[in-house]
């Protein structure tokens, strides 16, 4: 008898979504489990060193593997999301990783 592996990627649907420069709105995506390296790597990012609260933005850019047909988002895409979308992603991060998003947004966003 073989045990199936636990999922490592999780689907999500953003409440509002990201609208790309062509006007296409992307709401569906996938987030993978974070590794310790994902949580440590942003600490050397100059944007995070200048503003520690930026860590959550960089980290989400690492663990979101797909946002619609736009592929893996960079921090600029994460920055442009609506607060409700960021709160949704933070909640999913906590659920799948069993941890608070480092430098993340407050739950009341």
PDB file of N, CA and C in Angstrom:
ATOM      1  N   UNK A   1       0.845  -1.181   0.000  1.00  0.00           N
ATOM      2  CA  UNK A   1       0.000   0.000   0.000  1.00  0.00           C
ATOM      3  C   UNK A   1       0.887   1.238   0.000  1.00  0.00           C
ATOM      4  N   UNK A   2       0.619   2.155  -0.919  1.00  0.00           N
ATOM      5  CA  UNK A   2       1.414   3.378  -0.961  1.00  0.00           C
ATOM      6  C   UNK A   2       0.590   4.551  -0.452  1.00  0.00           C
ATOM      7  N   UNK A   3       1.258   5.418   0.233  1.00  0.00           N
ATOM      8  CA  UNK A   3       0.610   6.623   0.731  1.00  0.00           C
ATOM      9  C   UNK A   3       0.792   7.726  -0.296  1.00  0.00           C
ATOM     10  N   UNK A   4      -0.264   8.453  -0.570  1.00  0.00           N
ATOM     11  CA  UNK A   4      -0.118   9.550  -1.522  1.00  0.00           C
ATOM     12  C   UNK A   4       0.580  10.714  -0.833  1.00  0.00           C
ATOM     13  N   UNK A   5       1.378  11.397  -1.592  1.00  0.00           N
ATOM     14  CA  UNK A   5       2.130  12.530  -1.053  1.00  0.00           C
ATOM     15  C   UNK A   5       1.177  13.687  -0.757  1.00  0.00           C
ATOM     16  N   UNK A   6       1.479  14.421   0.271  1.00  0.00           N
ATOM     17  CA  UNK A   6       0.694  15.601   0.605  1.00  0.00           C
ATOM     18  C   UNK A   6       0.877  16.639  -0.503  1.00  0.00           C
ATOM     19  N   UNK A   7      -0.149  17.423  -0.779  1.00  0.00           N
ATOM     20  CA  UNK A   7      -0.010  18.430  -1.842  1.00  0.00           C
ATOM     21  C   UNK A   7       1.054  19.463  -1.488  1.00  0.00           C
ATOM     22  N   UNK A   8       1.748  19.925  -2.493  1.00  0.00           N
ATOM     23  CA  UNK A   8       2.772  20.946  -2.308  1.00  0.00           C
ATOM     24  C   UNK A   8       2.387  22.255  -2.974  1.00  0.00           C
ATOM     25  N   UNK A   9       1.347  22.212  -3.796  1.00  0.00           N
ATOM     26  CA  UNK A   9       0.821  23.421  -4.423  1.00  0.00           C
ATOM     27  C   UNK A   9      -0.677  23.482  -4.165  1.00  0.00           C
ATOM     28  N   UNK A  10      -1.158  24.698  -3.975  1.00  0.00           N
ATOM     29  CA  UNK A  10      -2.544  24.899  -3.602  1.00  0.00           C
ATOM     30  C   UNK A  10      -3.170  25.967  -4.487  1.00  0.00           C
ATOM     31  N   UNK A  11      -4.360  25.678  -5.035  1.00  0.00           N
ATOM     32  CA  UNK A  11      -5.030  26.660  -5.893  1.00  0.00           C
ATOM     33  C   UNK A  11      -5.669  27.772  -5.064  1.00  0.00           C
ATOM     34  N   UNK A  12      -5.809  28.924  -5.680  1.00  0.00           N
ATOM     35  CA  UNK A  12      -6.525  30.026  -5.047  1.00  0.00           C
ATOM     36  C   UNK A  12      -7.270  30.832  -6.106  1.00  0.00           C
ATOM     37  N   UNK A  13      -8.258  31.563  -5.634  1.00  0.00           N
ATOM     38  CA  UNK A  13      -8.993  32.506  -6.480  1.00  0.00           C
ATOM     39  C   UNK A  13      -9.035  33.826  -5.734  1.00  0.00           C
ATOM     40  N   UNK A  14      -8.479  34.849  -6.344  1.00  0.00           N
ATOM     41  CA  UNK A  14      -8.450  36.166  -5.715  1.00  0.00           C
ATOM     42  C   UNK A  14      -9.826  36.818  -5.803  1.00  0.00           C
ATOM     43  N   UNK A  15     -10.216  37.580  -4.777  1.00  0.00           N
ATOM     44  CA  UNK A  15     -11.510  38.264  -4.815  1.00  0.00           C
ATOM     45  C   UNK A  15     -11.629  39.254  -5.977  1.00  0.00           C
ATOM     46  N   UNK A  16     -10.568  39.996  -6.257  1.00  0.00           N
ATOM     47  CA  UNK A  16     -10.610  41.002  -7.328  1.00  0.00           C
ATOM     48  C   UNK A  16      -9.709  40.635  -8.498  1.00  0.00           C
ATOM     49  N   UNK A  17      -8.489  40.242  -8.216  1.00  0.00           N
ATOM     50  CA  UNK A  17      -7.562  39.835  -9.258  1.00  0.00           C
ATOM     51  C   UNK A  17      -6.617  40.920  -9.712  1.00  0.00           C
ATOM     52  N   UNK A  18      -5.623  40.484 -10.459  1.00  0.00           N
ATOM     53  CA  UNK A  18      -4.605  41.366 -11.030  1.00  0.00           C
ATOM     54  C   UNK A  18      -4.957  41.620 -12.490  1.00  0.00           C
ATOM     55  N   UNK A  19      -5.016  42.892 -12.868  1.00  0.00           N
ATOM     56  CA  UNK A  19      -5.262  43.246 -14.262  1.00  0.00           C
ATOM     57  C   UNK A  19      -3.943  43.646 -14.892  1.00  0.00           C
ATOM     58  N   UNK A  20      -3.547  42.890 -15.911  1.00  0.00           N
ATOM     59  CA  UNK A  20      -2.256  43.135 -16.557  1.00  0.00           C
ATOM     60  C   UNK A  20      -2.337  44.322 -17.512  1.00  0.00           C
ATOM     61  N   UNK A  21      -1.207  44.764 -18.072  1.00  0.00           N
ATOM     62  CA  UNK A  21      -1.207  45.931 -18.964  1.00  0.00           C
ATOM     63  C   UNK A  21      -2.107  45.775 -20.197  1.00  0.00           C
ATOM     64  N   UNK A  22      -2.399  44.548 -20.602  1.00  0.00           N
ATOM     65  CA  UNK A  22      -3.276  44.319 -21.755  1.00  0.00           C
ATOM     66  C   UNK A  22      -4.753  44.359 -21.370  1.00  0.00           C
ATOM     67  N   UNK A  23      -5.034  44.536 -20.069  1.00  0.00           N
ATOM     68  CA  UNK A  23      -6.410  44.613 -19.606  1.00  0.00           C
ATOM     69  C   UNK A  23      -7.023  43.281 -19.207  1.00  0.00           C
ATOM     70  N   UNK A  24      -6.226  42.220 -19.181  1.00  0.00           N
ATOM     71  CA  UNK A  24      -6.711  40.897 -18.790  1.00  0.00           C
ATOM     72  C   UNK A  24      -6.623  40.773 -17.268  1.00  0.00           C
ATOM     73  N   UNK A  25      -7.720  40.352 -16.640  1.00  0.00           N
ATOM     74  CA  UNK A  25      -7.736  40.162 -15.197  1.00  0.00           C
ATOM     75  C   UNK A  25      -7.457  38.699 -14.874  1.00  0.00           C
ATOM     76  N   UNK A  26      -6.507  38.500 -13.966  1.00  0.00           N
ATOM     77  CA  UNK A  26      -6.084  37.165 -13.549  1.00  0.00           C
ATOM     78  C   UNK A  26      -6.498  36.955 -12.103  1.00  0.00           C
ATOM     79  N   UNK A  27      -7.343  35.955 -11.852  1.00  0.00           N
ATOM     80  CA  UNK A  27      -7.814  35.697 -10.493  1.00  0.00           C
ATOM     81  C   UNK A  27      -7.392  34.333  -9.971  1.00  0.00           C
ATOM     82  N   UNK A  28      -7.233  33.364 -10.852  1.00  0.00           N
ATOM     83  CA  UNK A  28      -6.887  32.003 -10.450  1.00  0.00           C
ATOM     84  C   UNK A  28      -5.371  31.864 -10.358  1.00  0.00           C
ATOM     85  N   UNK A  29      -4.896  31.110  -9.388  1.00  0.00           N
ATOM     86  CA  UNK A  29      -3.465  30.913  -9.272  1.00  0.00           C
ATOM     87  C   UNK A  29      -3.126  29.715  -8.417  1.00  0.00           C
ATOM     88  N   UNK A  30      -1.824  29.521  -8.233  1.00  0.00           N
ATOM     89  CA  UNK A  30      -1.303  28.424  -7.419  1.00  0.00           C
ATOM     90  C   UNK A  30      -0.229  28.974  -6.488  1.00  0.00           C
ATOM     91  N   UNK A  31      -0.250  28.482  -5.248  1.00  0.00           N
ATOM     92  CA  UNK A  31       0.774  28.830  -4.266  1.00  0.00           C
ATOM     93  C   UNK A  31       1.391  27.533  -3.768  1.00  0.00           C
ATOM     94  N   UNK A  32       2.712  27.507  -3.690  1.00  0.00           N
ATOM     95  CA  UNK A  32       3.395  26.310  -3.192  1.00  0.00           C
ATOM     96  C   UNK A  32       3.777  26.504  -1.733  1.00  0.00           C
ATOM     97  N   UNK A  33       4.086  25.382  -1.094  1.00  0.00           N
ATOM     98  CA  UNK A  33       4.602  25.447   0.262  1.00  0.00           C
ATOM     99  C   UNK A  33       5.890  26.253   0.283  1.00  0.00           C
ATOM    100  N   UNK A  34       6.102  27.022   1.317  1.00  0.00           N
ATOM    101  CA  UNK A  34       7.335  27.801   1.462  1.00  0.00           C
ATOM    102  C   UNK A  34       8.430  26.921   2.046  1.00  0.00           C
ATOM    103  N   UNK A  35       9.642  27.193   1.632  1.00  0.00           N
ATOM    104  CA  UNK A  35      10.808  26.538   2.230  1.00  0.00           C
ATOM    105  C   UNK A  35      11.467  27.543   3.173  1.00  0.00           C
ATOM    106  N   UNK A  36      12.350  27.049   3.993  1.00  0.00           N
ATOM    107  CA  UNK A  36      13.082  27.958   4.883  1.00  0.00           C
ATOM    108  C   UNK A  36      13.892  28.947   4.053  1.00  0.00           C
ATOM    109  N   UNK A  37      14.439  28.479   2.932  1.00  0.00           N
ATOM    110  CA  UNK A  37      15.187  29.370   2.056  1.00  0.00           C
ATOM    111  C   UNK A  37      14.310  30.501   1.522  1.00  0.00           C
ATOM    112  N   UNK A  38      13.033  30.196   1.228  1.00  0.00           N
ATOM    113  CA  UNK A  38      12.112  31.243   0.772  1.00  0.00           C
ATOM    114  C   UNK A  38      11.975  32.337   1.823  1.00  0.00           C
ATOM    115  N   UNK A  39      11.965  31.946   3.086  1.00  0.00           N
ATOM    116  CA  UNK A  39      11.801  32.924   4.151  1.00  0.00           C
ATOM    117  C   UNK A  39      13.102  33.672   4.455  1.00  0.00           C
ATOM    118  N   UNK A  40      14.244  33.051   4.168  1.00  0.00           N
ATOM    119  CA  UNK A  40      15.528  33.692   4.441  1.00  0.00           C
ATOM    120  C   UNK A  40      16.040  34.547   3.281  1.00  0.00           C
ATOM    121  N   UNK A  41      15.859  34.089   2.054  1.00  0.00           N
ATOM    122  CA  UNK A  41      16.398  34.777   0.883  1.00  0.00           C
ATOM    123  C   UNK A  41      15.979  36.254   0.795  1.00  0.00           C
ATOM    124  N   UNK A  42      14.724  36.602   1.069  1.00  0.00           N
ATOM    125  CA  UNK A  42      14.354  38.017   0.967  1.00  0.00           C
ATOM    126  C   UNK A  42      15.088  38.942   1.952  1.00  0.00           C
ATOM    127  N   UNK A  43      15.660  38.366   3.009  1.00  0.00           N
ATOM    128  CA  UNK A  43      16.328  39.205   4.004  1.00  0.00           C
ATOM    129  C   UNK A  43      17.540  39.940   3.450  1.00  0.00           C
ATOM    130  N   UNK A  44      18.101  39.449   2.343  1.00  0.00           N
ATOM    131  CA  UNK A  44      19.235  40.143   1.720  1.00  0.00           C
ATOM    132  C   UNK A  44      18.790  41.078   0.603  1.00  0.00           C
ATOM    133  N   UNK A  45      17.501  41.091   0.294  1.00  0.00           N
ATOM    134  CA  UNK A  45      16.963  41.975  -0.741  1.00  0.00           C
ATOM    135  C   UNK A  45      17.057  43.417  -0.250  1.00  0.00           C
ATOM    136  N   UNK A  46      17.633  44.312  -1.059  1.00  0.00           N
ATOM    137  CA  UNK A  46      17.778  45.713  -0.616  1.00  0.00           C
ATOM    138  C   UNK A  46      16.446  46.381  -0.287  1.00  0.00           C
ATOM    139  N   UNK A  47      15.369  46.000  -0.980  1.00  0.00           N
ATOM    140  CA  UNK A  47      14.052  46.596  -0.695  1.00  0.00           C
ATOM    141  C   UNK A  47      13.577  46.189   0.693  1.00  0.00           C
ATOM    142  N   UNK A  48      13.884  44.959   1.099  1.00  0.00           N
ATOM    143  CA  UNK A  48      13.488  44.478   2.422  1.00  0.00           C
ATOM    144  C   UNK A  48      14.362  45.128   3.492  1.00  0.00           C
ATOM    145  N   UNK A  49      15.654  45.286   3.184  1.00  0.00           N
ATOM    146  CA  UNK A  49      16.549  45.944   4.159  1.00  0.00           C
ATOM    147  C   UNK A  49      16.122  47.388   4.407  1.00  0.00           C
ATOM    148  N   UNK A  50      15.653  48.055   3.358  1.00  0.00           N
ATOM    149  CA  UNK A  50      15.204  49.443   3.489  1.00  0.00           C
ATOM    150  C   UNK A  50      13.849  49.531   4.194  1.00  0.00           C
ATOM    151  N   UNK A  51      12.984  48.554   3.909  1.00  0.00           N
ATOM    152  CA  UNK A  51      11.638  48.556   4.474  1.00  0.00           C
ATOM    153  C   UNK A  51      11.268  47.115   4.831  1.00  0.00           C
ATOM    154  N   UNK A  52      11.467  46.696   6.084  1.00  0.00           N
ATOM    155  CA  UNK A  52      11.217  45.306   6.481  1.00  0.00           C
ATOM    156  C   UNK A  52       9.814  44.793   6.173  1.00  0.00           C
ATOM    157  N   UNK A  53       8.835  45.668   6.106  1.00  0.00           N
ATOM    158  CA  UNK A  53       7.475  45.205   5.808  1.00  0.00           C
ATOM    159  C   UNK A  53       7.344  44.730   4.360  1.00  0.00           C
ATOM    160  N   UNK A  54       8.336  45.008   3.523  1.00  0.00           N
ATOM    161  CA  UNK A  54       8.346  44.574   2.130  1.00  0.00           C
ATOM    162  C   UNK A  54       8.642  43.077   2.009  1.00  0.00           C
ATOM    163  N   UNK A  55       9.099  42.453   3.088  1.00  0.00           N
ATOM    164  CA  UNK A  55       9.443  41.037   3.072  1.00  0.00           C
ATOM    165  C   UNK A  55       8.265  40.183   2.612  1.00  0.00           C
ATOM    166  N   UNK A  56       7.075  40.483   3.073  1.00  0.00           N
ATOM    167  CA  UNK A  56       5.894  39.719   2.677  1.00  0.00           C
ATOM    168  C   UNK A  56       5.633  39.781   1.188  1.00  0.00           C
ATOM    169  N   UNK A  57       5.883  40.930   0.580  1.00  0.00           N
ATOM    170  CA  UNK A  57       5.694  41.102  -0.861  1.00  0.00           C
ATOM    171  C   UNK A  57       6.675  40.219  -1.625  1.00  0.00           C
ATOM    172  N   UNK A  58       7.942  40.254  -1.234  1.00  0.00           N
ATOM    173  CA  UNK A  58       8.966  39.453  -1.904  1.00  0.00           C
ATOM    174  C   UNK A  58       8.680  37.969  -1.705  1.00  0.00           C
ATOM    175  N   UNK A  59       8.303  37.584  -0.501  1.00  0.00           N
ATOM    176  CA  UNK A  59       8.034  36.179  -0.206  1.00  0.00           C
ATOM    177  C   UNK A  59       6.848  35.661  -1.019  1.00  0.00           C
ATOM    178  N   UNK A  60       5.781  36.422  -1.093  1.00  0.00           N
ATOM    179  CA  UNK A  60       4.639  35.978  -1.905  1.00  0.00           C
ATOM    180  C   UNK A  60       5.040  35.821  -3.366  1.00  0.00           C
ATOM    181  N   UNK A  61       5.909  36.697  -3.850  1.00  0.00           N
ATOM    182  CA  UNK A  61       6.401  36.569  -5.219  1.00  0.00           C
ATOM    183  C   UNK A  61       7.173  35.279  -5.450  1.00  0.00           C
ATOM    184  N   UNK A  62       7.759  34.734  -4.389  1.00  0.00           N
ATOM    185  CA  UNK A  62       8.496  33.472  -4.503  1.00  0.00           C
ATOM    186  C   UNK A  62       7.577  32.250  -4.449  1.00  0.00           C
ATOM    187  N   UNK A  63       6.567  32.276  -3.598  1.00  0.00           N
ATOM    188  CA  UNK A  63       5.750  31.078  -3.385  1.00  0.00           C
ATOM    189  C   UNK A  63       4.534  30.986  -4.299  1.00  0.00           C
ATOM    190  N   UNK A  64       4.141  32.083  -4.930  1.00  0.00           N
ATOM    191  CA  UNK A  64       3.059  32.012  -5.914  1.00  0.00           C
ATOM    192  C   UNK A  64       3.683  31.555  -7.221  1.00  0.00           C
ATOM    193  N   UNK A  65       3.294  30.388  -7.663  1.00  0.00           N
ATOM    194  CA  UNK A  65       3.909  29.813  -8.858  1.00  0.00           C
ATOM    195  C   UNK A  65       3.191  30.205 -10.138  1.00  0.00           C
ATOM    196  N   UNK A  66       1.926  30.629 -10.002  1.00  0.00           N
ATOM    197  CA  UNK A  66       1.172  31.018 -11.186  1.00  0.00           C
ATOM    198  C   UNK A  66       0.056  31.954 -10.771  1.00  0.00           C
ATOM    199  N   UNK A  67      -0.146  32.994 -11.564  1.00  0.00           N
ATOM    200  CA  UNK A  67      -1.281  33.892 -11.398  1.00  0.00           C
ATOM    201  C   UNK A  67      -1.934  34.021 -12.767  1.00  0.00           C
ATOM    202  N   UNK A  68      -3.011  33.288 -12.960  1.00  0.00           N
ATOM    203  CA  UNK A  68      -3.684  33.264 -14.257  1.00  0.00           C
ATOM    204  C   UNK A  68      -2.730  32.818 -15.349  1.00  0.00           C
ATOM    205  N   UNK A  69      -2.815  33.482 -16.495  1.00  0.00           N
ATOM    206  CA  UNK A  69      -1.912  33.173 -17.600  1.00  0.00           C
ATOM    207  C   UNK A  69      -0.679  34.064 -17.562  1.00  0.00           C
ATOM    208  N   UNK A  70      -0.584  34.893 -16.509  1.00  0.00           N
ATOM    209  CA  UNK A  70       0.558  35.807 -16.386  1.00  0.00           C
ATOM    210  C   UNK A  70       1.794  35.109 -15.825  1.00  0.00           C
ATOM    211  N   UNK A  71       1.666  33.860 -15.392  1.00  0.00           N
ATOM    212  CA  UNK A  71       2.811  33.130 -14.853  1.00  0.00           C
ATOM    213  C   UNK A  71       3.106  33.522 -13.420  1.00  0.00           C
ATOM    214  N   UNK A  72       4.373  33.360 -13.032  1.00  0.00           N
ATOM    215  CA  UNK A  72       4.790  33.671 -11.663  1.00  0.00           C
ATOM    216  C   UNK A  72       4.922  35.187 -11.519  1.00  0.00           C
ATOM    217  N   UNK A  73       4.215  35.773 -10.538  1.00  0.00           N
ATOM    218  CA  UNK A  73       4.266  37.233 -10.392  1.00  0.00           C
ATOM    219  C   UNK A  73       5.565  37.703  -9.752  1.00  0.00           C
ATOM    220  N   UNK A  74       6.012  38.868 -10.170  1.00  0.00           N
ATOM    221  CA  UNK A  74       7.158  39.490  -9.517  1.00  0.00           C
ATOM    222  C   UNK A  74       6.621  40.425  -8.427  1.00  0.00           C
ATOM    223  N   UNK A  75       7.504  40.972  -7.590  1.00  0.00           N
ATOM    224  CA  UNK A  75       7.023  41.850  -6.512  1.00  0.00           C
ATOM    225  C   UNK A  75       6.185  43.035  -7.002  1.00  0.00           C
ATOM    226  N   UNK A  76       6.451  43.551  -8.190  1.00  0.00           N
ATOM    227  CA  UNK A  76       5.658  44.677  -8.711  1.00  0.00           C
ATOM    228  C   UNK A  76       4.195  44.267  -8.891  1.00  0.00           C
ATOM    229  N   UNK A  77       3.957  43.037  -9.321  1.00  0.00           N
ATOM    230  CA  UNK A  77       2.581  42.546  -9.477  1.00  0.00           C
ATOM    231  C   UNK A  77       1.941  42.400  -8.104  1.00  0.00           C
ATOM    232  N   UNK A  78       2.669  41.825  -7.154  1.00  0.00           N
ATOM    233  CA  UNK A  78       2.133  41.675  -5.790  1.00  0.00           C
ATOM    234  C   UNK A  78       1.782  43.044  -5.216  1.00  0.00           C
ATOM    235  N   UNK A  79       2.649  44.036  -5.439  1.00  0.00           N
ATOM    236  CA  UNK A  79       2.391  45.400  -4.945  1.00  0.00           C
ATOM    237  C   UNK A  79       1.121  45.995  -5.526  1.00  0.00           C
ATOM    238  N   UNK A  80       0.769  45.614  -6.743  1.00  0.00           N
ATOM    239  CA  UNK A  80      -0.373  46.231  -7.419  1.00  0.00           C
ATOM    240  C   UNK A  80      -1.706  45.565  -7.081  1.00  0.00           C
ATOM    241  N   UNK A  81      -1.683  44.497  -6.276  1.00  0.00           N
ATOM    242  CA  UNK A  81      -2.925  43.819  -5.921  1.00  0.00           C
ATOM    243  C   UNK A  81      -3.749  44.655  -4.942  1.00  0.00           C
ATOM    244  N   UNK A  82      -5.039  44.433  -4.966  1.00  0.00           N
ATOM    245  CA  UNK A  82      -5.935  45.095  -4.024  1.00  0.00           C
ATOM    246  C   UNK A  82      -5.687  44.543  -2.616  1.00  0.00           C
ATOM    247  N   UNK A  83      -5.946  45.350  -1.581  1.00  0.00           N
ATOM    248  CA  UNK A  83      -5.756  44.873  -0.207  1.00  0.00           C
ATOM    249  C   UNK A  83      -6.502  43.570   0.097  1.00  0.00           C
ATOM    250  N   UNK A  84      -7.704  43.404  -0.432  1.00  0.00           N
ATOM    251  CA  UNK A  84      -8.458  42.168  -0.190  1.00  0.00           C
ATOM    252  C   UNK A  84      -7.740  40.966  -0.800  1.00  0.00           C
ATOM    253  N   UNK A  85      -7.105  41.158  -1.948  1.00  0.00           N
ATOM    254  CA  UNK A  85      -6.355  40.073  -2.581  1.00  0.00           C
ATOM    255  C   UNK A  85      -5.116  39.727  -1.753  1.00  0.00           C
ATOM    256  N   UNK A  86      -4.414  40.741  -1.257  1.00  0.00           N
ATOM    257  CA  UNK A  86      -3.244  40.488  -0.411  1.00  0.00           C
ATOM    258  C   UNK A  86      -3.640  39.776   0.875  1.00  0.00           C
ATOM    259  N   UNK A  87      -4.741  40.193   1.474  1.00  0.00           N
ATOM    260  CA  UNK A  87      -5.213  39.533   2.702  1.00  0.00           C
ATOM    261  C   UNK A  87      -5.576  38.073   2.410  1.00  0.00           C
ATOM    262  N   UNK A  88      -6.175  37.818   1.271  1.00  0.00           N
ATOM    263  CA  UNK A  88      -6.523  36.455   0.870  1.00  0.00           C
ATOM    264  C   UNK A  88      -5.269  35.596   0.725  1.00  0.00           C
ATOM    265  N   UNK A  89      -4.241  36.144   0.089  1.00  0.00           N
ATOM    266  CA  UNK A  89      -2.987  35.408  -0.093  1.00  0.00           C
ATOM    267  C   UNK A  89      -2.284  35.170   1.233  1.00  0.00           C
ATOM    268  N   UNK A  90      -2.325  36.161   2.121  1.00  0.00           N
ATOM    269  CA  UNK A  90      -1.706  35.988   3.439  1.00  0.00           C
ATOM    270  C   UNK A  90      -2.417  34.880   4.213  1.00  0.00           C
ATOM    271  N   UNK A  91      -3.726  34.851   4.156  1.00  0.00           N
ATOM    272  CA  UNK A  91      -4.496  33.808   4.851  1.00  0.00           C
ATOM    273  C   UNK A  91      -4.134  32.435   4.298  1.00  0.00           C
ATOM    274  N   UNK A  92      -4.053  32.312   2.975  1.00  0.00           N
ATOM    275  CA  UNK A  92      -3.683  31.036   2.371  1.00  0.00           C
ATOM    276  C   UNK A  92      -2.275  30.635   2.793  1.00  0.00           C
ATOM    277  N   UNK A  93      -1.346  31.596   2.812  1.00  0.00           N
ATOM    278  CA  UNK A  93       0.026  31.303   3.235  1.00  0.00           C
ATOM    279  C   UNK A  93       0.022  30.709   4.639  1.00  0.00           C
ATOM    280  N   UNK A  94      -0.725  31.339   5.556  1.00  0.00           N
ATOM    281  CA  UNK A  94      -0.801  30.843   6.942  1.00  0.00           C
ATOM    282  C   UNK A  94      -1.397  29.442   6.989  1.00  0.00           C
ATOM    283  N   UNK A  95      -2.441  29.222   6.209  1.00  0.00           N
ATOM    284  CA  UNK A  95      -3.110  27.918   6.223  1.00  0.00           C
ATOM    285  C   UNK A  95      -2.205  26.802   5.724  1.00  0.00           C
ATOM    286  N   UNK A  96      -1.516  27.024   4.615  1.00  0.00           N
ATOM    287  CA  UNK A  96      -0.741  25.915   4.046  1.00  0.00           C
ATOM    288  C   UNK A  96       0.620  25.738   4.700  1.00  0.00           C
ATOM    289  N   UNK A  97       1.159  26.804   5.300  1.00  0.00           N
ATOM    290  CA  UNK A  97       2.470  26.717   5.926  1.00  0.00           C
ATOM    291  C   UNK A  97       2.401  26.651   7.443  1.00  0.00           C
ATOM    292  N   UNK A  98       1.229  26.849   7.997  1.00  0.00           N
ATOM    293  CA  UNK A  98       1.079  26.798   9.444  1.00  0.00           C
ATOM    294  C   UNK A  98       1.874  27.875  10.142  1.00  0.00           C
ATOM    295  N   UNK A  99       2.030  29.011   9.471  1.00  0.00           N
ATOM    296  CA  UNK A  99       2.852  30.084  10.036  1.00  0.00           C
ATOM    297  C   UNK A  99       2.342  31.431   9.549  1.00  0.00           C
ATOM    298  N   UNK A 100       2.710  32.440  10.285  1.00  0.00           N
ATOM    299  CA  UNK A 100       2.415  33.817   9.906  1.00  0.00           C
ATOM    300  C   UNK A 100       3.360  34.232   8.790  1.00  0.00           C
ATOM    301  N   UNK A 101       2.877  35.016   7.859  1.00  0.00           N
ATOM    302  CA  UNK A 101       3.706  35.532   6.783  1.00  0.00           C
ATOM    303  C   UNK A 101       4.682  36.551   7.355  1.00  0.00           C
ATOM    304  N   UNK A 102       5.991  36.295   7.286  1.00  0.00           N
ATOM    305  CA  UNK A 102       6.951  37.244   7.827  1.00  0.00           C
ATOM    306  C   UNK A 102       6.800  38.604   7.155  1.00  0.00           C
ATOM    307  N   UNK A 103       6.734  39.640   7.945  1.00  0.00           N
ATOM    308  CA  UNK A 103       6.611  40.989   7.390  1.00  0.00           C
ATOM    309  C   UNK A 103       5.315  41.186   6.631  1.00  0.00           C
ATOM    310  N   UNK A 104       4.340  40.332   6.922  1.00  0.00           N
ATOM    311  CA  UNK A 104       3.103  40.348   6.162  1.00  0.00           C
ATOM    312  C   UNK A 104       2.184  41.482   6.550  1.00  0.00           C
ATOM    313  N   UNK A 105       1.047  41.478   5.929  1.00  0.00           N
ATOM    314  CA  UNK A 105       0.050  42.506   6.149  1.00  0.00           C
ATOM    315  C   UNK A 105      -0.768  42.151   7.386  1.00  0.00           C
ATOM    316  N   UNK A 106      -1.311  43.139   8.059  1.00  0.00           N
ATOM    317  CA  UNK A 106      -2.172  42.837   9.202  1.00  0.00           C
ATOM    318  C   UNK A 106      -3.430  42.098   8.737  1.00  0.00           C
ATOM    319  N   UNK A 107      -4.000  41.288   9.616  1.00  0.00           N
ATOM    320  CA  UNK A 107      -5.193  40.519   9.273  1.00  0.00           C
ATOM    321  C   UNK A 107      -6.385  41.418   8.969  1.00  0.00           C
ATOM    322  N   UNK A 108      -6.345  42.654   9.370  1.00  0.00           N
ATOM    323  CA  UNK A 108      -7.484  43.548   9.215  1.00  0.00           C
ATOM    324  C   UNK A 108      -7.478  44.314   7.909  1.00  0.00           C
ATOM    325  N   UNK A 109      -6.542  43.975   7.006  1.00  0.00           N
ATOM    326  CA  UNK A 109      -6.488  44.688   5.719  1.00  0.00           C
ATOM    327  C   UNK A 109      -7.755  44.436   4.958  1.00  0.00           C
TER     328      UNK A 109
END
